[in-house]
PDB file of N, CA and C in Angstrom:
ATOM      1  N   MET A   1     -13.467  51.335 201.592  1.00  0.00           N
ATOM      2  CA  MET A   1     -12.143  51.317 202.070  1.00  0.00           C
ATOM      3  C   MET A   1     -10.823  52.987 201.507  1.00  0.00           C
ATOM      4  N   LEU A   2     -11.647  54.071 202.951  1.00  0.00           N
ATOM      5  CA  LEU A   2     -11.123  55.528 201.932  1.00  0.00           C
ATOM      6  C   LEU A   2      -9.551  55.193 202.695  1.00  0.00           C
ATOM      7  N   VAL A   3      -9.146  55.936 201.453  1.00  0.00           N
ATOM      8  CA  VAL A   3      -7.215  55.628 201.235  1.00  0.00           C
ATOM      9  C   VAL A   3      -7.011  57.251 201.939  1.00  0.00           C
ATOM     10  N   LEU A   4      -6.181  57.820 201.661  1.00  0.00           N
ATOM     11  CA  LEU A   4      -6.027  59.315 202.563  1.00  0.00           C
ATOM     12  C   LEU A   4      -4.056  58.741 202.634  1.00  0.00           C
ATOM     13  N   THR A   5      -3.267  60.007 202.442  1.00  0.00           N
ATOM     14  CA  THR A   5      -2.454  60.801 202.018  1.00  0.00           C
ATOM     15  C   THR A   5      -2.182  61.418 202.772  1.00  0.00           C
ATOM     16  N   ARG A   6      -1.526  61.233 203.661  1.00  0.00           N
ATOM     17  CA  ARG A   6      -1.206  61.912 204.887  1.00  0.00           C
ATOM     18  C   ARG A   6       0.621  62.218 205.339  1.00  0.00           C
ATOM     19  N   LYS A   7       0.542  63.440 206.212  1.00  0.00           N
ATOM     20  CA  LYS A   7       1.813  63.902 205.961  1.00  0.00           C
ATOM     21  C   LYS A   7       3.148  63.604 206.999  1.00  0.00           C
ATOM     22  N   LYS A   8       4.168  63.096 207.879  1.00  0.00           N
ATOM     23  CA  LYS A   8       4.371  63.591 208.837  1.00  0.00           C
ATOM     24  C   LYS A   8       3.235  64.603 209.902  1.00  0.00           C
ATOM     25  N   GLY A   9       3.360  64.131 211.010  1.00  0.00           N
ATOM     26  CA  GLY A   9       2.458  65.625 211.962  1.00  0.00           C
ATOM     27  C   GLY A   9       0.979  65.357 210.485  1.00  0.00           C
ATOM     28  N   GLN A  10       0.383  64.713 210.470  1.00  0.00           N
ATOM     29  CA  GLN A  10      -0.761  65.384 209.858  1.00  0.00           C
ATOM     30  C   GLN A  10      -1.872  64.084 210.654  1.00  0.00           C
ATOM     31  N   SER A  11      -3.001  64.818 210.704  1.00  0.00           N
ATOM     32  CA  SER A  11      -3.970  63.537 211.345  1.00  0.00           C
ATOM     33  C   SER A  11      -5.532  63.305 210.551  1.00  0.00           C
ATOM     34  N   ILE A  12      -6.043  62.238 210.773  1.00  0.00           N
ATOM     35  CA  ILE A  12      -7.137  62.769 211.111  1.00  0.00           C
ATOM     36  C   ILE A  12      -8.550  62.186 212.172  1.00  0.00           C
ATOM     37  N   ILE A  13      -9.494  63.012 212.093  1.00  0.00           N
ATOM     38  CA  ILE A  13     -10.573  62.417 213.222  1.00  0.00           C
ATOM     39  C   ILE A  13     -11.243  61.490 212.510  1.00  0.00           C
ATOM     40  N   ILE A  14     -12.310  60.178 213.397  1.00  0.00           N
ATOM     41  CA  ILE A  14     -13.375  59.518 212.780  1.00  0.00           C
ATOM     42  C   ILE A  14     -13.615  59.770 213.882  1.00  0.00           C
ATOM     43  N   GLY A  15     -15.491  60.165 213.317  1.00  0.00           N
ATOM     44  CA  GLY A  15     -16.178  61.539 214.432  1.00  0.00           C
ATOM     45  C   GLY A  15     -16.017  61.852 215.568  1.00  0.00           C
ATOM     46  N   ASP A  16     -16.151  61.753 216.268  1.00  0.00           N
ATOM     47  CA  ASP A  16     -16.428  63.462 217.191  1.00  0.00           C
ATOM     48  C   ASP A  16     -15.605  62.315 218.511  1.00  0.00           C
ATOM     49  N   ASN A  17     -14.493  61.120 218.747  1.00  0.00           N
ATOM     50  CA  ASN A  17     -13.490  61.147 219.145  1.00  0.00           C
ATOM     51  C   ASN A  17     -12.431  60.011 219.629  1.00  0.00           C
ATOM     52  N   ILE A  18     -12.350  59.892 217.788  1.00  0.00           N
ATOM     53  CA  ILE A  18     -10.627  59.207 218.105  1.00  0.00           C
ATOM     54  C   ILE A  18      -9.968  60.599 216.415  1.00  0.00           C
ATOM     55  N   LYS A  19      -8.533  60.064 217.374  1.00  0.00           N
ATOM     56  CA  LYS A  19      -8.010  61.061 215.992  1.00  0.00           C
ATOM     57  C   LYS A  19      -6.670  60.790 216.069  1.00  0.00           C
ATOM     58  N   ILE A  20      -5.813  60.158 215.197  1.00  0.00           N
ATOM     59  CA  ILE A  20      -5.147  59.252 214.415  1.00  0.00           C
ATOM     60  C   ILE A  20      -3.835  60.177 213.420  1.00  0.00           C
ATOM     61  N   LYS A  21      -3.574  59.704 213.573  1.00  0.00           N
ATOM     62  CA  LYS A  21      -2.265  60.944 213.171  1.00  0.00           C
ATOM     63  C   LYS A  21      -0.773  60.989 213.677  1.00  0.00           C
ATOM     64  N   ILE A  22      -0.372  60.659 212.333  1.00  0.00           N
ATOM     65  CA  ILE A  22       1.732  60.116 211.714  1.00  0.00           C
ATOM     66  C   ILE A  22       2.121  60.258 212.011  1.00  0.00           C
ATOM     67  N   VAL A  23       3.140  59.853 213.375  1.00  0.00           N
ATOM     68  CA  VAL A  23       4.327  60.213 214.088  1.00  0.00           C
ATOM     69  C   VAL A  23       5.498  59.961 213.166  1.00  0.00           C
ATOM     70  N   SER A  24       6.421  59.217 213.488  1.00  0.00           N
ATOM     71  CA  SER A  24       6.878  58.782 211.770  1.00  0.00           C
ATOM     72  C   SER A  24       6.352  58.176 210.484  1.00  0.00           C
ATOM     73  N   ILE A  25       7.964  58.887 209.786  1.00  0.00           N
ATOM     74  CA  ILE A  25       8.112  57.803 208.762  1.00  0.00           C
ATOM     75  C   ILE A  25       8.818  57.397 208.727  1.00  0.00           C
ATOM     76  N   ASN A  26       9.112  56.196 207.776  1.00  0.00           N
ATOM     77  CA  ASN A  26      11.022  55.684 208.469  1.00  0.00           C
ATOM     78  C   ASN A  26      10.375  53.931 207.504  1.00  0.00           C
ATOM     79  N   PRO A  27      11.692  54.101 206.577  1.00  0.00           N
ATOM     80  CA  PRO A  27      12.703  52.929 205.835  1.00  0.00           C
ATOM     81  C   PRO A  27      11.078  50.861 206.162  1.00  0.00           C
ATOM     82  N   SER A  28      10.945  51.248 207.598  1.00  0.00           N
ATOM     83  CA  SER A  28      11.284  50.267 208.030  1.00  0.00           C
ATOM     84  C   SER A  28       9.297  49.817 208.676  1.00  0.00           C
ATOM     85  N   GLY A  29       9.130  51.678 208.059  1.00  0.00           N
ATOM     86  CA  GLY A  29       6.958  51.928 208.483  1.00  0.00           C
ATOM     87  C   GLY A  29       6.457  52.887 208.926  1.00  0.00           C
ATOM     88  N   VAL A  30       5.554  53.239 208.859  1.00  0.00           N
ATOM     89  CA  VAL A  30       5.195  54.594 209.961  1.00  0.00           C
ATOM     90  C   VAL A  30       4.432  53.783 210.789  1.00  0.00           C
ATOM     91  N   GLU A  31       4.339  54.993 211.999  1.00  0.00           N
ATOM     92  CA  GLU A  31       4.295  55.298 212.787  1.00  0.00           C
ATOM     93  C   GLU A  31       2.708  55.897 213.433  1.00  0.00           C
ATOM     94  N   ILE A  32       1.850  55.135 214.605  1.00  0.00           N
ATOM     95  CA  ILE A  32       1.022  55.805 214.296  1.00  0.00           C
ATOM     96  C   ILE A  32       0.493  56.256 215.367  1.00  0.00           C
ATOM     97  N   GLY A  33       0.142  56.860 215.776  1.00  0.00           N
ATOM     98  CA  GLY A  33      -0.890  57.679 217.067  1.00  0.00           C
ATOM     99  C   GLY A  33      -2.488  57.776 217.069  1.00  0.00           C
ATOM    100  N   ILE A  34      -2.411  56.914 217.821  1.00  0.00           N
ATOM    101  CA  ILE A  34      -4.422  56.878 218.509  1.00  0.00           C
ATOM    102  C   ILE A  34      -5.204  57.565 219.188  1.00  0.00           C
ATOM    103  N   GLU A  35      -5.310  58.916 219.559  1.00  0.00           N
ATOM    104  CA  GLU A  35      -6.201  58.821 220.897  1.00  0.00           C
ATOM    105  C   GLU A  35      -7.992  58.161 220.749  1.00  0.00           C
ATOM    106  N   ALA A  36      -8.434  57.656 221.900  1.00  0.00           N
ATOM    107  CA  ALA A  36      -9.711  57.627 221.726  1.00  0.00           C
ATOM    108  C   ALA A  36      -9.860  57.558 222.847  1.00  0.00           C
ATOM    109  N   PRO A  37     -11.891  57.180 223.358  1.00  0.00           N
ATOM    110  CA  PRO A  37     -12.062  56.728 224.718  1.00  0.00           C
ATOM    111  C   PRO A  37     -11.210  55.236 224.937  1.00  0.00           C
ATOM    112  N   ARG A  38     -11.209  55.295 225.930  1.00  0.00           N
ATOM    113  CA  ARG A  38     -10.530  54.163 226.857  1.00  0.00           C
ATOM    114  C   ARG A  38     -11.507  52.361 226.669  1.00  0.00           C
ATOM    115  N   ASP A  39     -12.624  52.761 226.265  1.00  0.00           N
ATOM    116  CA  ASP A  39     -13.971  52.023 225.976  1.00  0.00           C
ATOM    117  C   ASP A  39     -14.218  51.299 224.765  1.00  0.00           C
ATOM    118  N   ILE A  40     -12.543  52.231 223.742  1.00  0.00           N
ATOM    119  CA  ILE A  40     -12.705  51.674 222.604  1.00  0.00           C
ATOM    120  C   ILE A  40     -11.327  51.043 222.567  1.00  0.00           C
ATOM    121  N   ASN A  41     -11.369  49.789 221.975  1.00  0.00           N
ATOM    122  CA  ASN A  41     -11.192  48.442 222.065  1.00  0.00           C
ATOM    123  C   ASN A  41     -10.086  48.733 220.760  1.00  0.00           C
ATOM    124  N   ILE A  42      -8.828  48.549 220.594  1.00  0.00           N
ATOM    125  CA  ILE A  42      -7.407  49.050 219.749  1.00  0.00           C
ATOM    126  C   ILE A  42      -7.132  47.853 219.608  1.00  0.00           C
ATOM    127  N   VAL A  43      -6.587  47.415 218.377  1.00  0.00           N
ATOM    128  CA  VAL A  43      -5.843  45.487 218.630  1.00  0.00           C
ATOM    129  C   VAL A  43      -5.390  46.040 216.929  1.00  0.00           C
ATOM    130  N   ARG A  44      -4.088  44.928 217.357  1.00  0.00           N
ATOM    131  CA  ARG A  44      -3.097  45.625 215.896  1.00  0.00           C
ATOM    132  C   ARG A  44      -4.048  43.581 215.311  1.00  0.00           C
ATOM    133  N   GLU A  45      -4.119  43.839 213.656  1.00  0.00           N
ATOM    134  CA  GLU A  45      -5.613  43.474 213.407  1.00  0.00           C
ATOM    135  C   GLU A  45      -4.439  41.817 212.881  1.00  0.00           C
ATOM    136  N   GLU A  46      -2.492  42.140 213.343  1.00  0.00           N
ATOM    137  CA  GLU A  46      -2.162  40.731 212.623  1.00  0.00           C
ATOM    138  C   GLU A  46      -2.494  39.812 214.102  1.00  0.00           C
ATOM    139  N   LEU A  47      -2.423  40.430 215.154  1.00  0.00           N
ATOM    140  CA  LEU A  47      -2.131  39.848 216.211  1.00  0.00           C
ATOM    141  C   LEU A  47      -3.792  40.010 217.357  1.00  0.00           C
ATOM    142  N   LEU A  48      -4.574  39.565 216.289  1.00  0.00           N
ATOM    143  CA  LEU A  48      -6.666  38.898 216.427  1.00  0.00           C
ATOM    144  C   LEU A  48      -6.526  38.436 215.647  1.00  0.00           C
ATOM    145  N   GLU A  49      -5.930  38.061 214.068  1.00  0.00           N
ATOM    146  CA  GLU A  49      -6.018  37.271 213.708  1.00  0.00           C
ATOM    147  C   GLU A  49      -5.174  35.824 214.221  1.00  0.00           C
ATOM    148  N   LYS A  50      -3.377  36.078 214.933  1.00  0.00           N
ATOM    149  CA  LYS A  50      -3.150  35.120 215.593  1.00  0.00           C
ATOM    150  C   LYS A  50      -3.991  34.523 216.589  1.00  0.00           C
ATOM    151  N   VAL A  51      -4.563  35.188 217.486  1.00  0.00           N
ATOM    152  CA  VAL A  51      -5.527  34.852 218.679  1.00  0.00           C
ATOM    153  C   VAL A  51      -7.215  33.708 218.235  1.00  0.00           C
ATOM    154  N   LYS A  52      -7.649  34.293 216.970  1.00  0.00           N
ATOM    155  CA  LYS A  52      -8.378  33.342 216.941  1.00  0.00           C
ATOM    156  C   LYS A  52      -8.568  32.284 215.732  1.00  0.00           C
ATOM    157  N   SER A  53      -6.807  32.276 215.475  1.00  0.00           N
ATOM    158  CA  SER A  53      -6.397  31.187 214.439  1.00  0.00           C
ATOM    159  C   SER A  53      -6.171  30.399 215.635  1.00  0.00           C
ATOM    160  N   LEU A  54      -5.147  30.887 217.359  1.00  0.00           N
ATOM    161  CA  LEU A  54      -4.619  29.986 218.066  1.00  0.00           C
ATOM    162  C   LEU A  54      -6.351  29.068 219.090  1.00  0.00           C
ATOM    163  N   ASN A  55      -7.190  30.609 218.894  1.00  0.00           N
ATOM    164  CA  ASN A  55      -8.563  29.397 219.468  1.00  0.00           C
ATOM    165  C   ASN A  55      -9.476  28.045 218.572  1.00  0.00           C
ATOM    166  N   MET A  56      -9.101  28.508 217.133  1.00  0.00           N
ATOM    167  CA  MET A  56      -9.850  27.653 216.563  1.00  0.00           C
ATOM    168  C   MET A  56      -8.598  26.015 216.723  1.00  0.00           C
ATOM    169  N   GLU A  57      -7.656  25.994 216.221  1.00  0.00           N
ATOM    170  CA  GLU A  57      -6.897  24.815 216.838  1.00  0.00           C
ATOM    171  C   GLU A  57      -7.037  24.540 217.905  1.00  0.00           C
ATOM    172  N   ALA A  58      -7.018  24.805 219.202  1.00  0.00           N
ATOM    173  CA  ALA A  58      -7.554  24.866 220.353  1.00  0.00           C
ATOM    174  C   ALA A  58      -9.222  23.667 220.979  1.00  0.00           C
ATOM    175  N   ALA A  59      -9.567  24.727 219.706  1.00  0.00           N
ATOM    176  CA  ALA A  59     -11.694  24.105 219.486  1.00  0.00           C
ATOM    177  C   ALA A  59     -10.728  22.745 219.281  1.00  0.00           C
ATOM    178  N   ASN A  60      -9.737  22.654 218.181  1.00  0.00           N
ATOM    179  CA  ASN A  60     -10.290  21.536 217.628  1.00  0.00           C
ATOM    180  C   ASN A  60      -9.877  20.519 218.059  1.00  0.00           C
ATOM    181  N   LEU A  61      -8.105  20.854 218.851  1.00  0.00           N
ATOM    182  CA  LEU A  61      -8.061  20.066 219.592  1.00  0.00           C
ATOM    183  C   LEU A  61      -9.277  19.274 221.281  1.00  0.00           C
ATOM    184  N   LYS A  62     -10.301  20.449 221.189  1.00  0.00           N
ATOM    185  CA  LYS A  62     -10.903  19.971 222.595  1.00  0.00           C
ATOM    186  C   LYS A  62     -11.906  18.824 221.923  1.00  0.00           C
ATOM    187  N   ILE A  63     -12.568  19.013 220.227  1.00  0.00           N
ATOM    188  CA  ILE A  63     -12.759  18.203 220.305  1.00  0.00           C
ATOM    189  C   ILE A  63     -12.953  17.168 219.534  1.00  0.00           C
ATOM    190  N   GLU A  64     -11.007  16.569 219.222  1.00  0.00           N
ATOM    191  CA  GLU A  64     -10.813  16.018 218.938  1.00  0.00           C
ATOM    192  C   GLU A  64     -10.380  14.529 220.075  1.00  0.00           C
ATOM    193  N   LYS A  65     -10.305  15.617 221.379  1.00  0.00           N
ATOM    194  CA  LYS A  65      -9.833  14.711 222.343  1.00  0.00           C
ATOM    195  C   LYS A  65     -10.516  14.038 223.402  1.00  0.00           C
ATOM    196  N   ASP A  66     -11.934  15.136 223.137  1.00  0.00           N
ATOM    197  CA  ASP A  66     -13.602  14.216 223.212  1.00  0.00           C
ATOM    198  C   ASP A  66     -13.734  13.511 222.384  1.00  0.00           C
ATOM    199  N   SER A  67     -13.469  12.688 220.800  1.00  0.00           N
ATOM    200  CA  SER A  67     -13.775  11.975 220.326  1.00  0.00           C
ATOM    201  C   SER A  67     -13.539  11.263 220.306  1.00  0.00           C
ATOM    202  N   LEU A  68     -11.641  10.910 220.975  1.00  0.00           N
ATOM    203  CA  LEU A  68     -10.923  10.322 221.237  1.00  0.00           C
ATOM    204  C   LEU A  68     -11.026   9.713 222.505  1.00  0.00           C
ATOM    205  N   ASN A  69     -11.768   9.851 223.564  1.00  0.00           N
ATOM    206  CA  ASN A  69     -12.495   9.709 224.700  1.00  0.00           C
ATOM    207  C   ASN A  69     -13.913   8.635 224.495  1.00  0.00           C
ATOM    208  N   LYS A  70     -14.555   9.040 223.868  1.00  0.00           N
ATOM    209  CA  LYS A  70     -15.214   8.457 223.483  1.00  0.00           C
ATOM    210  C   LYS A  70     -15.054   6.901 222.811  1.00  0.00           C
ATOM    211  N   LEU A  71     -14.736   6.958 222.244  1.00  0.00           N
ATOM    212  CA  LEU A  71     -14.053   5.991 221.221  1.00  0.00           C
ATOM    213  C   LEU A  71     -13.451   4.671 222.537  1.00  0.00           C
ATOM    214  N   LYS A  72     -11.889   5.647 223.037  1.00  0.00           N
ATOM    215  CA  LYS A  72     -11.717   4.416 224.901  1.00  0.00           C
ATOM    216  C   LYS A  72     -13.417   3.470 224.849  1.00  0.00           C
ATOM    217  N   LYS A  73     -13.543   4.985 225.571  1.00  0.00           N
ATOM    218  CA  LYS A  73     -15.064   4.157 225.676  1.00  0.00           C
ATOM    219  C   LYS A  73     -15.767   2.799 225.553  1.00  0.00           C
ATOM    220  N   ILE A  74     -15.705   3.570 224.233  1.00  0.00           N
ATOM    221  CA  ILE A  74     -17.069   2.732 223.090  1.00  0.00           C
ATOM    222  C   ILE A  74     -16.079   0.973 222.518  1.00  0.00           C
ATOM    223  N   LEU A  75     -14.480   1.393 223.079  1.00  0.00           N
ATOM    224  CA  LEU A  75     -13.645  -0.152 222.881  1.00  0.00           C
ATOM    225  C   LEU A  75     -13.402  -0.973 224.310  1.00  0.00           C
ATOM    226  N   LYS A  76     -13.812  -0.148 225.070  1.00  0.00           N
ATOM    227  CA  LYS A  76     -13.632  -0.858 227.058  1.00  0.00           C
ATOM    228  C   LYS A  76     -15.176  -1.553 227.245  1.00  0.00           C
ATOM    229  N   LYS A  77     -16.220  -1.553 225.929  1.00  0.00           N
ATOM    230  CA  LYS A  77     -17.778  -2.162 226.606  1.00  0.00           C
ATOM    231  C   LYS A  77     -16.899  -3.381 225.224  1.00  0.00           C
TER     232      LYS A  77
END
């Protein structure tokens, strides 16, 4: 991981077409602006992790529901 120190108004360039700019710094956090092509997905990590977690929970519920349905069929025989 590359760690850089930036001040308000300063930027970081990634590749040829991504620019990250420090917009403001305050006690509750740092605001950054990101300029990137529209085909580049930019997602907050905590949201991505939440979606992954919810998808895993949903997959487990489906597996449990399928297993329960199979068990019910077996018990009916």
